């Protein structure tokens, strides 16, 4: 008899932690579909999260984000989901994910690594990376919420996305 698939996996962490890259690699390892919630929102809304936030404010964006999260959860084809950096910090989103029995994974990357990656990426689509100081304050404010994820995976510059995905896959298969 074929073993049941691992639980659906939601990846959270700060911007620049590697959520999308690790999610894609993990989906490859698990031979399943992956969804990046910010990309899903961009496709559905015709605007990026940054554009939504700039044009309508963060509260309106968070409503769109929660609605989109519900739609992603309703479509069970996606087994690995990369959340936007703030999605997991919203309690109603955590409850929504918990109600579906998903494994939540925090990619715990140090702020300096995240900021380096954001700057290297020019931070063009990162609405909360407009300057170092405010990004650092946001990182510190979100740490507690990230720590609520079921699994913490330590991210360092030396660890590749393949290594991180392999660690998550091992943990997921054991649950």
Protein backbone atom coordinates (compact mmCIF):
# COMPACT_ATOMS: atom_id res chain seq x y z
CA UNK A 1 0.00 0.00 0.00
CA UNK A 2 1.26 3.49 -0.85
CA UNK A 3 2.09 5.61 2.19
CA UNK A 4 -0.02 8.74 2.62
CA UNK A 5 1.51 11.94 1.30
CA UNK A 6 3.20 14.21 3.81
CA UNK A 7 1.04 17.03 5.19
CA UNK A 8 0.71 20.22 3.21
CA UNK A 9 3.63 22.44 4.09
CA UNK A 10 3.50 26.19 4.64
CA UNK A 11 6.80 28.04 4.71
CA UNK A 12 7.11 31.29 6.62
CA UNK A 13 9.94 33.63 7.53
CA UNK A 14 11.15 37.13 6.96
CA UNK A 15 11.67 38.62 3.51
CA UNK A 16 14.90 37.32 2.06
CA UNK A 17 14.85 34.13 4.16
CA UNK A 18 14.44 32.01 1.02
CA UNK A 19 10.78 30.97 1.30
CA UNK A 20 10.00 30.87 -2.42
CA UNK A 21 13.28 29.23 -3.40
CA UNK A 22 13.02 26.56 -0.70
CA UNK A 23 9.34 25.96 -1.48
CA UNK A 24 10.12 25.32 -5.15
CA UNK A 25 12.96 22.97 -4.26
CA UNK A 26 10.85 21.18 -1.68
CA UNK A 27 8.03 20.70 -4.20
CA UNK A 28 10.58 19.24 -6.62
CA UNK A 29 11.85 16.83 -3.93
CA UNK A 30 8.32 15.79 -2.96
CA UNK A 31 7.14 15.68 -6.61
CA UNK A 32 4.21 17.99 -5.93
CA UNK A 33 2.93 21.45 -6.75
CA UNK A 34 4.08 24.61 -5.00
CA UNK A 35 2.43 28.01 -4.72
CA UNK A 36 3.95 31.31 -3.74
CA UNK A 37 1.15 33.28 -2.06
CA UNK A 38 2.49 36.67 -3.20
CA UNK A 39 2.70 35.43 -6.81
CA UNK A 40 -0.82 33.99 -6.51
CA UNK A 41 -2.06 37.39 -5.32
CA UNK A 42 -0.24 39.19 -8.14
CA UNK A 43 -1.79 36.92 -10.76
CA UNK A 44 -5.28 37.13 -9.29
CA UNK A 45 -5.30 40.86 -8.52
CA UNK A 46 -3.23 42.09 -11.45
CA UNK A 47 -1.07 44.02 -8.98
CA UNK A 48 1.85 43.07 -6.78
CA UNK A 49 1.57 43.13 -2.99
CA UNK A 50 3.65 46.31 -3.03
CA UNK A 51 1.29 47.97 -5.49
CA UNK A 52 -1.74 46.91 -3.44
CA UNK A 53 -0.17 48.27 -0.25
CA UNK A 54 0.91 51.53 -1.92
CA UNK A 55 -2.48 52.07 -3.56
CA UNK A 56 -4.92 50.77 -0.93
CA UNK A 57 -2.96 50.40 2.31
CA UNK A 58 -1.74 47.44 4.31
CA UNK A 59 -5.15 46.61 5.84
CA UNK A 60 -6.73 46.19 2.40
CA UNK A 61 -3.79 44.07 1.27
CA UNK A 62 -4.11 41.82 4.34
CA UNK A 63 -7.78 41.21 3.47
CA UNK A 64 -6.77 40.18 -0.06
CA UNK A 65 -4.00 38.03 1.38
CA UNK A 66 -6.32 36.16 3.77
CA UNK A 67 -8.92 35.61 1.06
CA UNK A 68 -6.21 34.31 -1.27
CA UNK A 69 -4.84 32.05 1.46
CA UNK A 70 -8.30 30.52 1.86
CA UNK A 71 -8.47 29.87 -1.88
CA UNK A 72 -5.02 28.26 -1.90
CA UNK A 73 -6.09 26.02 0.99
CA UNK A 74 -9.27 25.04 -0.86
CA UNK A 75 -7.22 23.84 -3.84
CA UNK A 76 -5.49 20.75 -2.47
CA UNK A 77 -3.19 20.34 -5.49
CA UNK A 78 -0.67 22.75 -3.97
CA UNK A 79 1.21 20.77 -1.32
CA UNK A 80 3.93 23.36 -0.58
CA UNK A 81 3.02 27.00 -0.05
CA UNK A 82 5.41 29.90 0.46
CA UNK A 83 3.75 32.63 2.48
CA UNK A 84 4.52 36.30 2.26
CA UNK A 85 6.66 37.51 5.16
CA UNK A 86 3.72 38.99 7.06
CA UNK A 87 1.00 36.41 6.33
CA UNK A 88 1.92 34.13 9.23
CA UNK A 89 1.98 37.04 11.68
CA UNK A 90 -1.80 37.48 11.30
CA UNK A 91 -3.65 35.28 13.78
CA UNK A 92 -6.62 34.56 11.51
CA UNK A 93 -4.20 33.24 8.87
CA UNK A 94 -2.54 30.96 11.43
CA UNK A 95 -5.97 29.66 12.48
CA UNK A 96 -6.94 29.08 8.86
CA UNK A 97 -3.78 27.06 8.21
CA UNK A 98 -4.11 25.14 11.49
CA UNK A 99 -7.65 24.17 10.54
CA UNK A 100 -6.28 22.27 7.57
CA UNK A 101 -3.71 20.20 9.48
CA UNK A 102 -0.74 21.66 7.67
CA UNK A 103 2.91 21.56 8.71
CA UNK A 104 4.27 25.07 9.24
CA UNK A 105 7.95 25.74 8.76
CA UNK A 106 9.87 28.83 9.83
CA UNK A 107 12.97 29.55 7.79
CA UNK A 108 14.91 31.25 10.55
CA UNK A 109 17.45 33.45 8.81
CA UNK A 110 19.42 36.13 10.65
CA UNK A 111 18.41 39.68 9.83
CA UNK A 112 21.77 40.55 8.26
CA UNK A 113 21.42 37.70 5.75
CA UNK A 114 17.84 38.69 4.92
CA UNK A 115 18.80 42.32 4.44
CA UNK A 116 21.79 41.38 2.29
CA UNK A 117 19.49 39.36 0.01
CA UNK A 118 16.87 42.11 -0.12
CA UNK A 119 19.48 44.69 -1.09
CA UNK A 120 21.05 42.33 -3.64
CA UNK A 121 17.55 41.83 -5.09
CA UNK A 122 17.17 45.63 -5.05
CA UNK A 123 14.08 45.22 -2.82
CA UNK A 124 11.93 46.29 -5.74
CA UNK A 125 8.82 44.35 -4.79
CA UNK A 126 9.30 44.32 -1.04
CA UNK A 127 6.94 46.88 0.42
CA UNK A 128 8.43 46.72 3.91
CA UNK A 129 12.08 46.94 2.89
CA UNK A 130 12.26 50.61 2.17
CA UNK A 131 15.09 51.22 4.63
CA UNK A 132 17.34 49.26 6.96
CA UNK A 133 15.98 50.62 10.23
CA UNK A 134 12.29 49.98 9.56
CA UNK A 135 13.07 46.53 8.14
CA UNK A 136 15.04 45.67 11.28
CA UNK A 137 12.19 46.83 13.52
CA UNK A 138 9.74 44.73 11.51
CA UNK A 139 12.03 41.68 11.71
CA UNK A 140 12.26 42.00 15.49
CA UNK A 141 8.49 42.49 15.79
CA UNK A 142 7.73 39.36 13.73
CA UNK A 143 10.12 36.93 15.42
CA UNK A 144 7.61 35.83 18.06
CA UNK A 145 4.97 34.95 15.45
CA UNK A 146 7.47 33.06 13.30
CA UNK A 147 8.40 31.05 16.38
CA UNK A 148 4.82 29.71 16.48
CA UNK A 149 5.51 27.55 13.41
CA UNK A 150 5.74 23.82 14.12
CA UNK A 151 9.23 23.44 12.66
CA UNK A 152 12.17 25.83 12.80
CA UNK A 153 14.87 25.46 10.14
CA UNK A 154 18.05 27.45 10.60
CA UNK A 155 19.13 29.34 7.48
CA UNK A 156 22.77 30.32 7.01
CA UNK A 157 24.64 31.58 3.95
CA UNK A 158 26.35 28.19 3.70
CA UNK A 159 23.15 26.13 3.53
CA UNK A 160 21.68 25.70 0.06
CA UNK A 161 18.00 25.61 -0.79
CA UNK A 162 18.45 21.90 -1.56
CA UNK A 163 19.81 21.25 1.94
CA UNK A 164 17.01 23.21 3.57
CA UNK A 165 14.37 21.47 1.45
CA UNK A 166 15.85 18.05 2.29
CA UNK A 167 15.63 18.85 6.01
CA UNK A 168 11.99 19.92 5.70
CA UNK A 169 11.16 16.84 3.59
CA UNK A 170 12.66 14.51 6.22
CA UNK A 171 10.64 16.18 8.96
CA UNK A 172 7.43 16.18 6.89
CA UNK A 173 7.73 12.49 6.05
CA UNK A 174 8.18 11.69 9.71
CA UNK A 175 4.87 13.32 10.70
